[in-house]
Every structure is written in C-alpha cells, then in structure tokens.
Amino acid sequence: MLIFKLLLVLALLLLAAYFSVRLVRRGLSRRYEPKHRTPWSALSEGEDPTL
C-alpha cells in the first residue's frame, strides 16, 4: 500500500513537471510584450489616425 501511494505521488509530480516545462517552452511571456505601434494604435490614446 505504501508503494502504491509513493508511485501515485511520483506520477503526480512527473505530470506537474511535464506541464510546467510545456508552459515554459510555449512562451507565456510573449503574451505580455507590448504590441507593435501602428497608426490605429493611436486610437487608444485619443488621436485620430486618419489625419
């Protein structure tokens, strides 16, 4: 019974490590990088980009 519990904990730790490595490789930090400047991004600053 103890071996079963240890194997279960080990399997859960391996799953957590696998998913954390996948998230890191995916590049979550790219989501928070600033967007490229375009004339239409001036709309968020209250400017008219058509002028």
Protein backbone atom coordinates (compact mmCIF):
# COMPACT_ATOMS: atom_id res chain seq x y z
CA MET A 1 0.00 0.00 0.00
CA LEU A 2 2.87 2.38 0.76
CA ILE A 3 4.48 1.65 -2.60
CA PHE A 4 1.20 2.48 -4.37
CA LYS A 5 0.99 5.83 -2.58
CA LEU A 6 4.61 6.65 -3.42
CA LEU A 7 4.04 5.76 -7.07
CA LEU A 8 0.93 7.94 -7.15
CA VAL A 9 2.79 10.91 -5.69
CA LEU A 10 5.68 10.37 -8.10
CA ALA A 11 3.30 10.21 -11.06
CA LEU A 12 1.62 13.45 -9.99
CA LEU A 13 4.99 15.18 -9.62
CA LEU A 14 6.05 13.99 -13.07
CA LEU A 15 2.80 15.27 -14.58
CA ALA A 16 3.26 18.65 -12.92
CA ALA A 17 6.85 18.88 -14.17
CA TYR A 18 5.78 17.91 -17.69
CA PHE A 19 3.08 20.57 -17.87
CA SER A 20 5.31 23.25 -16.39
CA VAL A 21 8.01 22.51 -18.99
CA ARG A 22 5.41 22.70 -21.75
CA LEU A 23 4.18 26.07 -20.48
CA VAL A 24 7.71 27.47 -20.31
CA ARG A 25 8.54 26.31 -23.84
CA ARG A 26 5.30 27.78 -25.12
CA GLY A 27 6.46 31.25 -24.18
CA LEU A 28 3.82 32.71 -21.93
CA SER A 29 5.86 35.88 -21.55
CA ARG A 30 5.21 36.73 -25.20
CA ARG A 31 1.61 37.46 -24.29
CA TYR A 32 2.66 40.41 -22.14
CA GLU A 33 5.07 42.06 -24.57
CA PRO A 34 3.91 45.43 -25.92
CA LYS A 35 2.11 45.39 -29.23
CA HIS A 36 3.65 46.88 -32.37
CA ARG A 37 2.93 50.54 -32.99
CA THR A 38 0.56 51.14 -35.88
CA PRO A 39 -1.37 54.25 -36.83
CA TRP A 40 -4.51 52.62 -35.46
CA SER A 41 -2.99 52.07 -32.03
CA ALA A 42 -3.24 55.85 -31.60
CA LEU A 43 -6.98 55.37 -31.10
CA SER A 44 -6.32 54.18 -27.56
CA GLU A 45 -4.56 57.49 -26.90
CA GLY A 46 -7.49 59.54 -28.21
CA GLU A 47 -5.86 60.60 -31.50
CA ASP A 48 -7.42 60.35 -34.96
CA PRO A 49 -5.14 58.15 -37.15
CA THR A 50 -6.78 59.32 -40.39
CA LEU A 51 -5.38 62.87 -40.16
